[in-house]
C-alpha cells in the first residue's frame, strides 16, 4: 500500500523554478503605469472635446485647458516613471 502523504522529490517543484519577486513587482508596476498612460490619453481626448464644444464659453475653455495641462503632466510623470523603473530593473538585474 502506497503512503498518500509522502511527496516524491521528482514531483515537487524546485524553488529556483519560481518567478523572482522583483520580476512580479516590475510586471505589476508596468501594468499600473500603462493604466495611468491610458487615463492620461483619455484625459487629453476629453479636454479636446470640452474645448471643441465650448463654443466661445470662457469657463469651459479654461476647464479644457486645465484638463489638458493636467493630463499632459500626468503622461510625462508616467513616462518618466516607466523609464526610471526600466533603468533600475536593468541596473539591479
N, C-alpha and C. Protein backbone atom coordinates (compact mmCIF):
# COMPACT_ATOMS: atom_id res chain seq x y z
N UNK A 1 0.84 -1.18 0.00
CA UNK A 1 0.00 0.00 0.00
C UNK A 1 0.89 1.25 0.00
N UNK A 2 0.56 2.18 -0.85
CA UNK A 2 1.38 3.39 -1.00
C UNK A 2 0.91 4.46 -0.02
N UNK A 3 1.86 5.14 0.57
CA UNK A 3 1.54 6.21 1.52
C UNK A 3 1.15 7.46 0.72
N UNK A 4 -0.07 7.96 0.91
CA UNK A 4 -0.55 9.10 0.13
C UNK A 4 0.00 10.43 0.64
N UNK A 5 0.58 10.45 1.83
CA UNK A 5 1.11 11.68 2.39
C UNK A 5 2.58 11.89 2.06
N UNK A 6 3.19 10.94 1.43
CA UNK A 6 4.60 11.05 1.09
C UNK A 6 4.72 11.78 -0.26
N UNK A 7 5.54 12.81 -0.30
CA UNK A 7 5.74 13.58 -1.52
C UNK A 7 7.08 13.19 -2.12
N UNK A 8 7.04 12.83 -3.34
CA UNK A 8 8.26 12.43 -4.03
C UNK A 8 9.01 13.68 -4.48
N UNK A 9 10.32 13.64 -4.42
CA UNK A 9 11.14 14.77 -4.84
C UNK A 9 11.04 14.99 -6.35
N UNK A 10 10.66 13.97 -7.07
CA UNK A 10 10.54 14.09 -8.52
C UNK A 10 9.35 14.98 -8.89
N UNK A 11 8.27 14.91 -8.12
CA UNK A 11 7.07 15.66 -8.43
C UNK A 11 7.04 17.05 -7.80
N UNK A 12 7.85 17.26 -6.79
CA UNK A 12 7.84 18.56 -6.11
C UNK A 12 8.61 19.58 -6.95
N UNK A 13 8.11 20.81 -6.96
CA UNK A 13 8.79 21.88 -7.69
C UNK A 13 10.00 22.37 -6.92
N UNK A 14 10.95 22.87 -7.63
CA UNK A 14 12.16 23.41 -7.02
C UNK A 14 11.98 24.91 -6.90
N UNK A 15 12.43 25.47 -5.81
CA UNK A 15 12.22 26.90 -5.56
C UNK A 15 12.93 27.77 -6.59
N UNK A 16 13.95 27.27 -7.22
CA UNK A 16 14.63 28.06 -8.24
C UNK A 16 13.80 28.19 -9.51
N UNK A 17 12.77 27.37 -9.66
CA UNK A 17 11.89 27.47 -10.82
C UNK A 17 10.87 28.61 -10.68
N UNK A 18 10.73 29.14 -9.48
CA UNK A 18 9.73 30.18 -9.22
C UNK A 18 10.17 31.51 -9.84
N UNK A 19 9.19 32.31 -10.20
CA UNK A 19 9.46 33.64 -10.73
C UNK A 19 9.94 34.54 -9.60
N UNK A 20 11.02 35.28 -9.80
CA UNK A 20 11.51 36.16 -8.73
C UNK A 20 10.49 37.25 -8.39
N UNK A 21 10.47 37.64 -7.13
CA UNK A 21 9.52 38.66 -6.68
C UNK A 21 9.77 39.99 -7.37
N UNK A 22 11.01 40.29 -7.70
CA UNK A 22 11.31 41.54 -8.39
C UNK A 22 10.67 41.57 -9.77
N UNK A 23 10.65 40.44 -10.44
CA UNK A 23 10.01 40.36 -11.75
C UNK A 23 8.50 40.55 -11.64
N UNK A 24 7.92 39.97 -10.62
CA UNK A 24 6.48 40.11 -10.40
C UNK A 24 6.13 41.57 -10.11
N UNK A 25 6.90 42.20 -9.23
CA UNK A 25 6.64 43.60 -8.89
C UNK A 25 6.85 44.52 -10.09
N UNK A 26 7.85 44.22 -10.91
CA UNK A 26 8.09 45.03 -12.10
C UNK A 26 6.93 44.89 -13.09
N UNK A 27 6.40 43.69 -13.24
CA UNK A 27 5.25 43.49 -14.12
C UNK A 27 4.02 44.24 -13.61
N UNK A 28 3.80 44.22 -12.30
CA UNK A 28 2.66 44.94 -11.72
C UNK A 28 2.83 46.44 -11.94
N UNK A 29 4.04 46.94 -11.71
CA UNK A 29 4.30 48.37 -11.90
C UNK A 29 4.14 48.78 -13.36
N UNK A 30 4.61 47.96 -14.27
CA UNK A 30 4.42 48.25 -15.70
C UNK A 30 2.94 48.29 -16.06
N UNK A 31 2.16 47.38 -15.49
CA UNK A 31 0.73 47.36 -15.75
C UNK A 31 0.07 48.64 -15.23
N UNK A 32 0.42 49.04 -14.01
CA UNK A 32 -0.18 50.24 -13.43
C UNK A 32 0.22 51.49 -14.21
N UNK A 33 1.47 51.56 -14.65
CA UNK A 33 1.90 52.70 -15.44
C UNK A 33 1.20 52.73 -16.79
N UNK A 34 0.91 51.58 -17.35
CA UNK A 34 0.16 51.53 -18.61
C UNK A 34 -1.25 52.06 -18.41
N UNK A 35 -1.87 51.70 -17.29
CA UNK A 35 -3.21 52.20 -16.99
C UNK A 35 -3.18 53.72 -16.83
N UNK A 36 -2.16 54.24 -16.15
CA UNK A 36 -2.04 55.69 -15.97
C UNK A 36 -1.86 56.37 -17.33
N UNK A 37 -1.08 55.77 -18.21
CA UNK A 37 -0.90 56.33 -19.55
C UNK A 37 -2.20 56.36 -20.34
N UNK A 38 -2.96 55.29 -20.24
CA UNK A 38 -4.25 55.24 -20.94
C UNK A 38 -5.19 56.31 -20.40
N UNK A 39 -5.21 56.47 -19.07
CA UNK A 39 -6.06 57.51 -18.47
C UNK A 39 -5.61 58.91 -18.89
N UNK A 40 -4.31 59.11 -19.03
CA UNK A 40 -3.81 60.41 -19.49
C UNK A 40 -4.25 60.71 -20.92
N UNK A 41 -4.20 59.71 -21.77
CA UNK A 41 -4.64 59.91 -23.16
C UNK A 41 -6.14 60.18 -23.21
N UNK A 42 -6.90 59.46 -22.39
CA UNK A 42 -8.34 59.71 -22.33
C UNK A 42 -8.60 61.13 -21.84
N UNK A 43 -7.81 61.60 -20.87
CA UNK A 43 -7.95 62.97 -20.39
C UNK A 43 -7.69 63.99 -21.48
N UNK A 44 -6.69 63.72 -22.32
CA UNK A 44 -6.42 64.64 -23.44
C UNK A 44 -7.57 64.66 -24.44
N UNK A 45 -8.14 63.50 -24.70
CA UNK A 45 -9.28 63.44 -25.63
C UNK A 45 -10.48 64.19 -25.04
N UNK A 46 -10.73 63.98 -23.76
CA UNK A 46 -11.85 64.67 -23.11
C UNK A 46 -11.64 66.18 -23.13
N UNK A 47 -10.41 66.61 -22.88
CA UNK A 47 -10.15 68.05 -22.90
C UNK A 47 -10.33 68.62 -24.31
N UNK A 48 -9.97 67.85 -25.32
CA UNK A 48 -10.21 68.30 -26.69
C UNK A 48 -11.69 68.43 -27.00
N UNK A 49 -12.47 67.46 -26.54
CA UNK A 49 -13.92 67.53 -26.75
C UNK A 49 -14.51 68.72 -25.99
N UNK A 50 -14.03 68.94 -24.77
CA UNK A 50 -14.50 70.10 -24.00
C UNK A 50 -14.18 71.40 -24.71
N UNK A 51 -13.00 71.49 -25.27
CA UNK A 51 -12.60 72.72 -25.95
C UNK A 51 -13.42 72.95 -27.22
N UNK A 52 -13.65 71.87 -27.96
CA UNK A 52 -14.42 72.00 -29.20
C UNK A 52 -15.87 72.38 -28.90
N UNK A 53 -16.43 71.79 -27.85
CA UNK A 53 -17.84 72.06 -27.53
C UNK A 53 -18.02 73.31 -26.67
N UNK A 54 -16.94 74.02 -26.35
CA UNK A 54 -17.06 75.22 -25.52
C UNK A 54 -17.79 76.34 -26.25
N UNK A 55 -17.65 76.41 -27.54
CA UNK A 55 -18.31 77.41 -28.39
C UNK A 55 -18.11 78.83 -27.86
N UNK A 56 -16.89 79.14 -27.48
CA UNK A 56 -16.58 80.50 -27.05
C UNK A 56 -16.80 80.77 -25.57
N UNK A 57 -17.33 79.81 -24.82
CA UNK A 57 -17.55 79.99 -23.38
C UNK A 57 -16.20 79.94 -22.67
N UNK A 58 -15.84 81.05 -22.04
CA UNK A 58 -14.52 81.16 -21.41
C UNK A 58 -14.32 80.15 -20.28
N UNK A 59 -15.36 79.89 -19.49
CA UNK A 59 -15.23 78.95 -18.38
C UNK A 59 -14.91 77.55 -18.88
N UNK A 60 -15.62 77.12 -19.90
CA UNK A 60 -15.38 75.77 -20.44
C UNK A 60 -14.03 75.69 -21.14
N UNK A 61 -13.60 76.79 -21.76
CA UNK A 61 -12.28 76.79 -22.39
C UNK A 61 -11.17 76.72 -21.35
N UNK A 62 -11.35 77.42 -20.23
CA UNK A 62 -10.36 77.33 -19.15
C UNK A 62 -10.34 75.93 -18.54
N UNK A 63 -11.53 75.33 -18.39
CA UNK A 63 -11.61 73.97 -17.87
C UNK A 63 -10.89 72.99 -18.80
N UNK A 64 -11.12 73.14 -20.10
CA UNK A 64 -10.46 72.27 -21.07
C UNK A 64 -8.95 72.45 -21.01
N UNK A 65 -8.50 73.67 -20.83
CA UNK A 65 -7.06 73.93 -20.74
C UNK A 65 -6.47 73.29 -19.49
N UNK A 66 -7.17 73.41 -18.36
CA UNK A 66 -6.68 72.79 -17.12
C UNK A 66 -6.62 71.28 -17.23
N UNK A 67 -7.65 70.69 -17.85
CA UNK A 67 -7.67 69.23 -18.01
C UNK A 67 -6.54 68.78 -18.92
N UNK A 68 -6.30 69.51 -20.00
CA UNK A 68 -5.23 69.12 -20.92
C UNK A 68 -3.85 69.27 -20.27
N UNK A 69 -3.65 70.32 -19.49
CA UNK A 69 -2.37 70.50 -18.81
C UNK A 69 -2.17 69.40 -17.77
N UNK A 70 -3.21 69.10 -17.01
CA UNK A 70 -3.11 68.04 -16.01
C UNK A 70 -2.85 66.68 -16.64
N UNK A 71 -3.50 66.41 -17.76
CA UNK A 71 -3.29 65.14 -18.45
C UNK A 71 -1.88 65.05 -19.01
N UNK A 72 -1.39 66.15 -19.56
CA UNK A 72 -0.03 66.15 -20.11
C UNK A 72 1.01 65.95 -19.00
N UNK A 73 0.80 66.60 -17.87
CA UNK A 73 1.71 66.42 -16.74
C UNK A 73 1.67 64.97 -16.25
N UNK A 74 0.48 64.41 -16.17
CA UNK A 74 0.35 63.01 -15.77
C UNK A 74 1.05 62.06 -16.73
N UNK A 75 0.94 62.33 -18.02
CA UNK A 75 1.62 61.49 -19.01
C UNK A 75 3.13 61.60 -18.89
N UNK A 76 3.63 62.80 -18.66
CA UNK A 76 5.08 62.99 -18.51
C UNK A 76 5.58 62.26 -17.27
N UNK A 77 4.84 62.35 -16.17
CA UNK A 77 5.23 61.65 -14.94
C UNK A 77 5.19 60.14 -15.15
N UNK A 78 4.14 59.64 -15.81
CA UNK A 78 4.04 58.20 -16.05
C UNK A 78 5.16 57.72 -16.96
N UNK A 79 5.47 58.48 -17.99
CA UNK A 79 6.55 58.09 -18.89
C UNK A 79 7.89 58.11 -18.17
N UNK A 80 8.11 59.12 -17.34
CA UNK A 80 9.34 59.19 -16.56
C UNK A 80 9.46 58.02 -15.58
N UNK A 81 8.36 57.67 -14.94
CA UNK A 81 8.38 56.53 -14.01
C UNK A 81 8.62 55.23 -14.76
N UNK A 82 8.05 55.10 -15.95
CA UNK A 82 8.25 53.90 -16.76
C UNK A 82 9.73 53.75 -17.14
N UNK A 83 10.33 54.84 -17.58
CA UNK A 83 11.75 54.81 -17.96
C UNK A 83 12.62 54.55 -16.74
N UNK A 84 12.30 55.19 -15.63
CA UNK A 84 13.09 55.02 -14.41
C UNK A 84 13.04 53.59 -13.90
N UNK A 85 11.85 52.99 -13.89
CA UNK A 85 11.76 51.60 -13.42
C UNK A 85 12.48 50.65 -14.37
N UNK A 86 12.43 50.93 -15.65
CA UNK A 86 13.17 50.09 -16.61
C UNK A 86 14.67 50.18 -16.39
N UNK A 87 15.16 51.38 -16.15
CA UNK A 87 16.59 51.56 -15.92
C UNK A 87 17.03 50.93 -14.60
N UNK A 88 16.21 51.09 -13.56
CA UNK A 88 16.55 50.48 -12.27
C UNK A 88 16.52 48.96 -12.35
N UNK A 89 15.56 48.43 -13.09
CA UNK A 89 15.48 46.97 -13.24
C UNK A 89 16.70 46.45 -14.00
N UNK A 90 17.13 47.18 -15.02
CA UNK A 90 18.31 46.76 -15.77
C UNK A 90 19.57 46.89 -14.92
N UNK A 91 19.62 47.90 -14.07
CA UNK A 91 20.79 48.11 -13.23
C UNK A 91 20.92 47.03 -12.16
N UNK A 92 19.81 46.64 -11.55
CA UNK A 92 19.86 45.69 -10.45
C UNK A 92 19.78 44.23 -10.88
N UNK A 93 19.53 43.97 -12.15
CA UNK A 93 19.48 42.56 -12.57
C UNK A 93 20.70 42.14 -13.34
